[in-house]
Amino acid sequence: MNTAEQIYQDVQEFPEPLALEVLHFVEFLKSKNLSLNSGELEHKIQQGIEQAEKDLGVTLDGAYVDHLNQWVQQRLAATQKN
């Protein structure tokens, strides 16, 4: 039996308020992990922008970079909902 199955089995025996508390904790962990992934993704995007600027010999417009960051945040929010 893996860890998730063990948790499922144990939580089935909990009264509803306690099971709800476990659910909230799981959602917190998912959110925390998404935040970490978001920071890593933003760092990689910034590295990509810097490399593109270097390779192209140009400086990307700040509005373009802002638009790109907004798009990434929207994609992350959509991923979190699924």
PDB file of N, CA and C in Angstrom:
ATOM      1  N   MET A   1       0.865  -1.177   0.000  1.00  0.00           N
ATOM      2  CA  MET A   1       0.000   0.000   0.000  1.00  0.00           C
ATOM      3  C   MET A   1       0.910   1.238   0.000  1.00  0.00           C
ATOM      4  N   ASN A   2       0.642   2.172  -0.923  1.00  0.00           N
ATOM      5  CA  ASN A   2       1.471   3.382  -0.956  1.00  0.00           C
ATOM      6  C   ASN A   2       0.953   4.416   0.043  1.00  0.00           C
ATOM      7  N   THR A   3       1.671   5.496   0.161  1.00  0.00           N
ATOM      8  CA  THR A   3       1.356   6.523   1.165  1.00  0.00           C
ATOM      9  C   THR A   3      -0.027   7.129   0.948  1.00  0.00           C
ATOM     10  N   ALA A   4      -0.360   7.465  -0.292  1.00  0.00           N
ATOM     11  CA  ALA A   4      -1.670   8.076  -0.578  1.00  0.00           C
ATOM     12  C   ALA A   4      -2.807   7.128  -0.197  1.00  0.00           C
ATOM     13  N   GLU A   5      -2.642   5.847  -0.476  1.00  0.00           N
ATOM     14  CA  GLU A   5      -3.671   4.870  -0.107  1.00  0.00           C
ATOM     15  C   GLU A   5      -3.809   4.757   1.409  1.00  0.00           C
ATOM     16  N   GLN A   6      -2.692   4.818   2.103  1.00  0.00           N
ATOM     17  CA  GLN A   6      -2.721   4.753   3.570  1.00  0.00           C
ATOM     18  C   GLN A   6      -3.440   5.969   4.147  1.00  0.00           C
ATOM     19  N   ILE A   7      -3.140   7.137   3.600  1.00  0.00           N
ATOM     20  CA  ILE A   7      -3.814   8.365   4.057  1.00  0.00           C
ATOM     21  C   ILE A   7      -5.310   8.256   3.809  1.00  0.00           C
ATOM     22  N   TYR A   8      -5.680   7.819   2.606  1.00  0.00           N
ATOM     23  CA  TYR A   8      -7.097   7.673   2.257  1.00  0.00           C
ATOM     24  C   TYR A   8      -7.803   6.733   3.233  1.00  0.00           C
ATOM     25  N   GLN A   9      -7.178   5.616   3.500  1.00  0.00           N
ATOM     26  CA  GLN A   9      -7.773   4.640   4.406  1.00  0.00           C
ATOM     27  C   GLN A   9      -7.956   5.220   5.814  1.00  0.00           C
ATOM     28  N   ASP A  10      -6.942   5.895   6.298  1.00  0.00           N
ATOM     29  CA  ASP A  10      -7.013   6.470   7.645  1.00  0.00           C
ATOM     30  C   ASP A  10      -8.044   7.592   7.738  1.00  0.00           C
ATOM     31  N   VAL A  11      -8.081   8.441   6.729  1.00  0.00           N
ATOM     32  CA  VAL A  11      -8.977   9.602   6.768  1.00  0.00           C
ATOM     33  C   VAL A  11     -10.443   9.176   6.685  1.00  0.00           C
ATOM     34  N   GLN A  12     -10.720   8.051   6.057  1.00  0.00           N
ATOM     35  CA  GLN A  12     -12.107   7.574   5.967  1.00  0.00           C
ATOM     36  C   GLN A  12     -12.722   7.363   7.345  1.00  0.00           C
ATOM     37  N   GLU A  13     -11.903   7.092   8.329  1.00  0.00           N
ATOM     38  CA  GLU A  13     -12.395   6.836   9.675  1.00  0.00           C
ATOM     39  C   GLU A  13     -12.584   8.120  10.493  1.00  0.00           C
ATOM     40  N   PHE A  14     -12.115   9.238   9.961  1.00  0.00           N
ATOM     41  CA  PHE A  14     -12.202  10.512  10.689  1.00  0.00           C
ATOM     42  C   PHE A  14     -13.617  11.067  10.653  1.00  0.00           C
ATOM     43  N   PRO A  15     -14.011  11.795  11.702  1.00  0.00           N
ATOM     44  CA  PRO A  15     -15.264  12.550  11.617  1.00  0.00           C
ATOM     45  C   PRO A  15     -15.102  13.657  10.566  1.00  0.00           C
ATOM     46  N   GLU A  16     -16.199  14.098   9.997  1.00  0.00           N
ATOM     47  CA  GLU A  16     -16.169  15.059   8.893  1.00  0.00           C
ATOM     48  C   GLU A  16     -15.344  16.312   9.180  1.00  0.00           C
ATOM     49  N   PRO A  17     -15.470  16.946  10.354  1.00  0.00           N
ATOM     50  CA  PRO A  17     -14.657  18.149  10.594  1.00  0.00           C
ATOM     51  C   PRO A  17     -13.152  17.887  10.524  1.00  0.00           C
ATOM     52  N   LEU A  18     -12.725  16.729  11.011  1.00  0.00           N
ATOM     53  CA  LEU A  18     -11.306  16.398  10.968  1.00  0.00           C
ATOM     54  C   LEU A  18     -10.868  16.070   9.531  1.00  0.00           C
ATOM     55  N   ALA A  19     -11.704  15.372   8.794  1.00  0.00           N
ATOM     56  CA  ALA A  19     -11.400  15.079   7.389  1.00  0.00           C
ATOM     57  C   ALA A  19     -11.290  16.379   6.585  1.00  0.00           C
ATOM     58  N   LEU A  20     -12.147  17.347   6.889  1.00  0.00           N
ATOM     59  CA  LEU A  20     -12.099  18.642   6.218  1.00  0.00           C
ATOM     60  C   LEU A  20     -10.793  19.371   6.539  1.00  0.00           C
ATOM     61  N   GLU A  21     -10.331  19.237   7.759  1.00  0.00           N
ATOM     62  CA  GLU A  21      -9.053  19.836   8.145  1.00  0.00           C
ATOM     63  C   GLU A  21      -7.894  19.219   7.339  1.00  0.00           C
ATOM     64  N   VAL A  22      -7.944  17.924   7.144  1.00  0.00           N
ATOM     65  CA  VAL A  22      -6.923  17.247   6.332  1.00  0.00           C
ATOM     66  C   VAL A  22      -6.981  17.771   4.898  1.00  0.00           C
ATOM     67  N   LEU A  23      -8.178  17.917   4.369  1.00  0.00           N
ATOM     68  CA  LEU A  23      -8.343  18.450   3.014  1.00  0.00           C
ATOM     69  C   LEU A  23      -7.746  19.851   2.904  1.00  0.00           C
ATOM     70  N   HIS A  24      -8.004  20.705   3.868  1.00  0.00           N
ATOM     71  CA  HIS A  24      -7.453  22.060   3.844  1.00  0.00           C
ATOM     72  C   HIS A  24      -5.925  22.033   3.883  1.00  0.00           C
ATOM     73  N   PHE A  25      -5.371  21.110   4.653  1.00  0.00           N
ATOM     74  CA  PHE A  25      -3.922  20.997   4.716  1.00  0.00           C
ATOM     75  C   PHE A  25      -3.356  20.540   3.365  1.00  0.00           C
ATOM     76  N   VAL A  26      -4.017  19.600   2.729  1.00  0.00           N
ATOM     77  CA  VAL A  26      -3.578  19.126   1.408  1.00  0.00           C
ATOM     78  C   VAL A  26      -3.632  20.282   0.406  1.00  0.00           C
ATOM     79  N   GLU A  27      -4.691  21.072   0.444  1.00  0.00           N
ATOM     80  CA  GLU A  27      -4.810  22.223  -0.463  1.00  0.00           C
ATOM     81  C   GLU A  27      -3.711  23.247  -0.191  1.00  0.00           C
ATOM     82  N   PHE A  28      -3.385  23.446   1.071  1.00  0.00           N
ATOM     83  CA  PHE A  28      -2.296  24.343   1.429  1.00  0.00           C
ATOM     84  C   PHE A  28      -0.982  23.852   0.834  1.00  0.00           C
ATOM     85  N   LEU A  29      -0.707  22.562   0.960  1.00  0.00           N
ATOM     86  CA  LEU A  29       0.536  22.004   0.410  1.00  0.00           C
ATOM     87  C   LEU A  29       0.586  22.153  -1.110  1.00  0.00           C
ATOM     88  N   LYS A  30      -0.541  21.932  -1.775  1.00  0.00           N
ATOM     89  CA  LYS A  30      -0.583  22.106  -3.227  1.00  0.00           C
ATOM     90  C   LYS A  30      -0.293  23.550  -3.600  1.00  0.00           C
ATOM     91  N   SER A  31      -0.890  24.484  -2.876  1.00  0.00           N
ATOM     92  CA  SER A  31      -0.686  25.903  -3.131  1.00  0.00           C
ATOM     93  C   SER A  31       0.765  26.295  -2.893  1.00  0.00           C
ATOM     94  N   LYS A  32       1.328  25.796  -1.819  1.00  0.00           N
ATOM     95  CA  LYS A  32       2.724  26.087  -1.483  1.00  0.00           C
ATOM     96  C   LYS A  32       3.644  25.575  -2.585  1.00  0.00           C
ATOM     97  N   ASN A  33       3.399  24.370  -3.055  1.00  0.00           N
ATOM     98  CA  ASN A  33       4.210  23.782  -4.121  1.00  0.00           C
ATOM     99  C   ASN A  33       4.059  24.585  -5.403  1.00  0.00           C
ATOM    100  N   LEU A  34       2.855  25.042  -5.699  1.00  0.00           N
ATOM    101  CA  LEU A  34       2.630  25.845  -6.900  1.00  0.00           C
ATOM    102  C   LEU A  34       3.389  27.152  -6.804  1.00  0.00           C
ATOM    103  N   SER A  35       3.411  27.764  -5.616  1.00  0.00           N
ATOM    104  CA  SER A  35       4.151  29.010  -5.436  1.00  0.00           C
ATOM    105  C   SER A  35       5.636  28.808  -5.688  1.00  0.00           C
ATOM    106  N   LEU A  36       6.171  27.696  -5.207  1.00  0.00           N
ATOM    107  CA  LEU A  36       7.580  27.403  -5.445  1.00  0.00           C
ATOM    108  C   LEU A  36       7.837  27.209  -6.928  1.00  0.00           C
ATOM    109  N   ASN A  37       6.946  26.470  -7.591  1.00  0.00           N
ATOM    110  CA  ASN A  37       7.102  26.255  -9.022  1.00  0.00           C
ATOM    111  C   ASN A  37       6.986  27.557  -9.790  1.00  0.00           C
ATOM    112  N   SER A  38       6.116  28.442  -9.325  1.00  0.00           N
ATOM    113  CA  SER A  38       5.943  29.737  -9.966  1.00  0.00           C
ATOM    114  C   SER A  38       7.232  30.537  -9.907  1.00  0.00           C
ATOM    115  N   GLY A  39       7.886  30.541  -8.749  1.00  0.00           N
ATOM    116  CA  GLY A  39       9.142  31.275  -8.604  1.00  0.00           C
ATOM    117  C   GLY A  39      10.229  30.706  -9.492  1.00  0.00           C
ATOM    118  N   GLU A  40      10.295  29.383  -9.562  1.00  0.00           N
ATOM    119  CA  GLU A  40      11.279  28.747 -10.437  1.00  0.00           C
ATOM    120  C   GLU A  40      11.000  29.084 -11.893  1.00  0.00           C
ATOM    121  N   LEU A  41       9.722  29.068 -12.262  1.00  0.00           N
ATOM    122  CA  LEU A  41       9.342  29.373 -13.633  1.00  0.00           C
ATOM    123  C   LEU A  41       9.684  30.810 -13.993  1.00  0.00           C
ATOM    124  N   GLU A  42       9.400  31.734 -13.096  1.00  0.00           N
ATOM    125  CA  GLU A  42       9.734  33.134 -13.352  1.00  0.00           C
ATOM    126  C   GLU A  42      11.237  33.317 -13.538  1.00  0.00           C
ATOM    127  N   HIS A  43      12.023  32.598 -12.751  1.00  0.00           N
ATOM    128  CA  HIS A  43      13.479  32.668 -12.877  1.00  0.00           C
ATOM    129  C   HIS A  43      13.915  32.148 -14.251  1.00  0.00           C
ATOM    130  N   LYS A  44      13.338  31.037 -14.685  1.00  0.00           N
ATOM    131  CA  LYS A  44      13.686  30.478 -15.986  1.00  0.00           C
ATOM    132  C   LYS A  44      13.255  31.404 -17.118  1.00  0.00           C
ATOM    133  N   ILE A  45      12.103  32.035 -16.970  1.00  0.00           N
ATOM    134  CA  ILE A  45      11.646  32.986 -17.989  1.00  0.00           C
ATOM    135  C   ILE A  45      12.625  34.144 -18.080  1.00  0.00           C
ATOM    136  N   GLN A  46      13.041  34.647 -16.933  1.00  0.00           N
ATOM    137  CA  GLN A  46      13.992  35.766 -16.934  1.00  0.00           C
ATOM    138  C   GLN A  46      15.302  35.351 -17.587  1.00  0.00           C
ATOM    139  N   GLN A  47      15.761  34.144 -17.312  1.00  0.00           N
ATOM    140  CA  GLN A  47      16.976  33.650 -17.955  1.00  0.00           C
ATOM    141  C   GLN A  47      16.788  33.568 -19.469  1.00  0.00           C
ATOM    142  N   GLY A  48      15.623  33.106 -19.901  1.00  0.00           N
ATOM    143  CA  GLY A  48      15.327  33.008 -21.332  1.00  0.00           C
ATOM    144  C   GLY A  48      15.296  34.369 -21.999  1.00  0.00           C
ATOM    145  N   ILE A  49      14.721  35.349 -21.319  1.00  0.00           N
ATOM    146  CA  ILE A  49      14.665  36.709 -21.860  1.00  0.00           C
ATOM    147  C   ILE A  49      16.076  37.264 -21.999  1.00  0.00           C
ATOM    148  N   GLU A  50      16.879  37.074 -20.977  1.00  0.00           N
ATOM    149  CA  GLU A  50      18.260  37.574 -21.024  1.00  0.00           C
ATOM    150  C   GLU A  50      19.049  36.898 -22.143  1.00  0.00           C
ATOM    151  N   GLN A  51      18.840  35.588 -22.322  1.00  0.00           N
ATOM    152  CA  GLN A  51      19.550  34.874 -23.389  1.00  0.00           C
ATOM    153  C   GLN A  51      19.076  35.345 -24.760  1.00  0.00           C
ATOM    154  N   ALA A  52      17.768  35.559 -24.911  1.00  0.00           N
ATOM    155  CA  ALA A  52      17.234  36.045 -26.189  1.00  0.00           C
ATOM    156  C   ALA A  52      17.786  37.430 -26.502  1.00  0.00           C
ATOM    157  N   GLU A  53      17.831  38.294 -25.503  1.00  0.00           N
ATOM    158  CA  GLU A  53      18.388  39.635 -25.713  1.00  0.00           C
ATOM    159  C   GLU A  53      19.852  39.551 -26.141  1.00  0.00           C
ATOM    160  N   LYS A  54      20.592  38.669 -25.499  1.00  0.00           N
ATOM    161  CA  LYS A  54      22.012  38.497 -25.828  1.00  0.00           C
ATOM    162  C   LYS A  54      22.168  37.973 -27.252  1.00  0.00           C
ATOM    163  N   ASP A  55      21.413  36.932 -27.588  1.00  0.00           N
ATOM    164  CA  ASP A  55      21.514  36.314 -28.908  1.00  0.00           C
ATOM    165  C   ASP A  55      21.069  37.260 -30.025  1.00  0.00           C
ATOM    166  N   LEU A  56      20.023  38.041 -29.752  1.00  0.00           N
ATOM    167  CA  LEU A  56      19.483  38.940 -30.770  1.00  0.00           C
ATOM    168  C   LEU A  56      20.185  40.287 -30.793  1.00  0.00           C
ATOM    169  N   GLY A  57      20.899  40.597 -29.722  1.00  0.00           N
ATOM    170  CA  GLY A  57      21.565  41.889 -29.640  1.00  0.00           C
ATOM    171  C   GLY A  57      20.597  43.037 -29.458  1.00  0.00           C
ATOM    172  N   VAL A  58      19.466  42.760 -28.798  1.00  0.00           N
ATOM    173  CA  VAL A  58      18.449  43.786 -28.551  1.00  0.00           C
ATOM    174  C   VAL A  58      18.016  43.724 -27.094  1.00  0.00           C
ATOM    175  N   THR A  59      17.283  44.738 -26.686  1.00  0.00           N
ATOM    176  CA  THR A  59      16.663  44.737 -25.369  1.00  0.00           C
ATOM    177  C   THR A  59      15.160  44.656 -25.580  1.00  0.00           C
ATOM    178  N   LEU A  60      14.533  43.646 -24.984  1.00  0.00           N
ATOM    179  CA  LEU A  60      13.092  43.486 -25.147  1.00  0.00           C
ATOM    180  C   LEU A  60      12.357  44.587 -24.395  1.00  0.00           C
ATOM    181  N   ASP A  61      11.290  45.037 -24.995  1.00  0.00           N
ATOM    182  CA  ASP A  61      10.461  46.094 -24.429  1.00  0.00           C
ATOM    183  C   ASP A  61       9.867  45.645 -23.093  1.00  0.00           C
ATOM    184  N   GLY A  62       9.900  46.522 -22.105  1.00  0.00           N
ATOM    185  CA  GLY A  62       9.373  46.209 -20.782  1.00  0.00           C
ATOM    186  C   GLY A  62       7.911  45.802 -20.808  1.00  0.00           C
ATOM    187  N   ALA A  63       7.125  46.421 -21.690  1.00  0.00           N
ATOM    188  CA  ALA A  63       5.705  46.070 -21.795  1.00  0.00           C
ATOM    189  C   ALA A  63       5.544  44.630 -22.276  1.00  0.00           C
ATOM    190  N   TYR A  64       6.420  44.208 -23.184  1.00  0.00           N
ATOM    191  CA  TYR A  64       6.374  42.824 -23.673  1.00  0.00           C
ATOM    192  C   TYR A  64       6.686  41.857 -22.541  1.00  0.00           C
ATOM    193  N   VAL A  65       7.704  42.166 -21.772  1.00  0.00           N
ATOM    194  CA  VAL A  65       8.091  41.310 -20.644  1.00  0.00           C
ATOM    195  C   VAL A  65       6.963  41.267 -19.613  1.00  0.00           C
ATOM    196  N   ASP A  66       6.336  42.402 -19.331  1.00  0.00           N
ATOM    197  CA  ASP A  66       5.203  42.435 -18.402  1.00  0.00           C
ATOM    198  C   ASP A  66       4.061  41.562 -18.913  1.00  0.00           C
ATOM    199  N   HIS A  67       3.779  41.669 -20.213  1.00  0.00           N
ATOM    200  CA  HIS A  67       2.709  40.871 -20.824  1.00  0.00           C
ATOM    201  C   HIS A  67       3.029  39.380 -20.696  1.00  0.00           C
ATOM    202  N   LEU A  68       4.273  39.021 -20.935  1.00  0.00           N
ATOM    203  CA  LEU A  68       4.695  37.632 -20.814  1.00  0.00           C
ATOM    204  C   LEU A  68       4.515  37.134 -19.382  1.00  0.00           C
ATOM    205  N   ASN A  69       4.908  37.927 -18.407  1.00  0.00           N
ATOM    206  CA  ASN A  69       4.747  37.540 -17.001  1.00  0.00           C
ATOM    207  C   ASN A  69       3.277  37.394 -16.621  1.00  0.00           C
ATOM    208  N   GLN A  70       2.417  38.270 -17.139  1.00  0.00           N
ATOM    209  CA  GLN A  70       0.981  38.158 -16.866  1.00  0.00           C
ATOM    210  C   GLN A  70       0.419  36.866 -17.458  1.00  0.00           C
ATOM    211  N   TRP A  71       0.859  36.543 -18.665  1.00  0.00           N
ATOM    212  CA  TRP A  71       0.403  35.328 -19.318  1.00  0.00           C
ATOM    213  C   TRP A  71       0.795  34.099 -18.493  1.00  0.00           C
ATOM    214  N   VAL A  72       2.028  34.097 -18.006  1.00  0.00           N
ATOM    215  CA  VAL A  72       2.500  32.971 -17.197  1.00  0.00           C
ATOM    216  C   VAL A  72       1.656  32.854 -15.927  1.00  0.00           C
ATOM    217  N   GLN A  73       1.375  33.962 -15.264  1.00  0.00           N
ATOM    218  CA  GLN A  73       0.564  33.936 -14.046  1.00  0.00           C
ATOM    219  C   GLN A  73      -0.838  33.401 -14.332  1.00  0.00           C
ATOM    220  N   GLN A  74      -1.413  33.774 -15.467  1.00  0.00           N
ATOM    221  CA  GLN A  74      -2.734  33.261 -15.834  1.00  0.00           C
ATOM    222  C   GLN A  74      -2.699  31.762 -16.068  1.00  0.00           C
ATOM    223  N   ARG A  75      -1.651  31.292 -16.729  1.00  0.00           N
ATOM    224  CA  ARG A  75      -1.514  29.858 -16.980  1.00  0.00           C
ATOM    225  C   ARG A  75      -1.347  29.092 -15.666  1.00  0.00           C
ATOM    226  N   LEU A  76      -0.570  29.651 -14.750  1.00  0.00           N
ATOM    227  CA  LEU A  76      -0.377  29.006 -13.448  1.00  0.00           C
ATOM    228  C   LEU A  76      -1.689  28.951 -12.666  1.00  0.00           C
ATOM    229  N   ALA A  77      -2.464  30.031 -12.720  1.00  0.00           N
ATOM    230  CA  ALA A  77      -3.742  30.064 -12.018  1.00  0.00           C
ATOM    231  C   ALA A  77      -4.695  29.020 -12.618  1.00  0.00           C
ATOM    232  N   ALA A  78      -4.691  28.888 -13.937  1.00  0.00           N
ATOM    233  CA  ALA A  78      -5.544  27.895 -14.583  1.00  0.00           C
ATOM    234  C   ALA A  78      -5.116  26.486 -14.203  1.00  0.00           C
ATOM    235  N   THR A  79      -3.816  26.277 -14.097  1.00  0.00           N
ATOM    236  CA  THR A  79      -3.292  24.966 -13.706  1.00  0.00           C
ATOM    237  C   THR A  79      -3.705  24.634 -12.286  1.00  0.00           C
ATOM    238  N   GLN A  80      -3.699  25.633 -11.422  1.00  0.00           N
ATOM    239  CA  GLN A  80      -4.060  25.407 -10.017  1.00  0.00           C
ATOM    240  C   GLN A  80      -5.522  24.989  -9.893  1.00  0.00           C
ATOM    241  N   LYS A  81      -6.385  25.509 -10.757  1.00  0.00           N
ATOM    242  CA  LYS A  81      -7.802  25.188 -10.686  1.00  0.00           C
ATOM    243  C   LYS A  81      -8.068  23.741 -11.096  1.00  0.00           C
ATOM    244  N   ASN A  82      -7.200  23.193 -11.930  1.00  0.00           N
ATOM    245  CA  ASN A  82      -7.394  21.815 -12.420  1.00  0.00           C
ATOM    246  C   ASN A  82      -6.819  20.848 -11.500  1.00  0.00           C
TER     247      ASN A  82
END
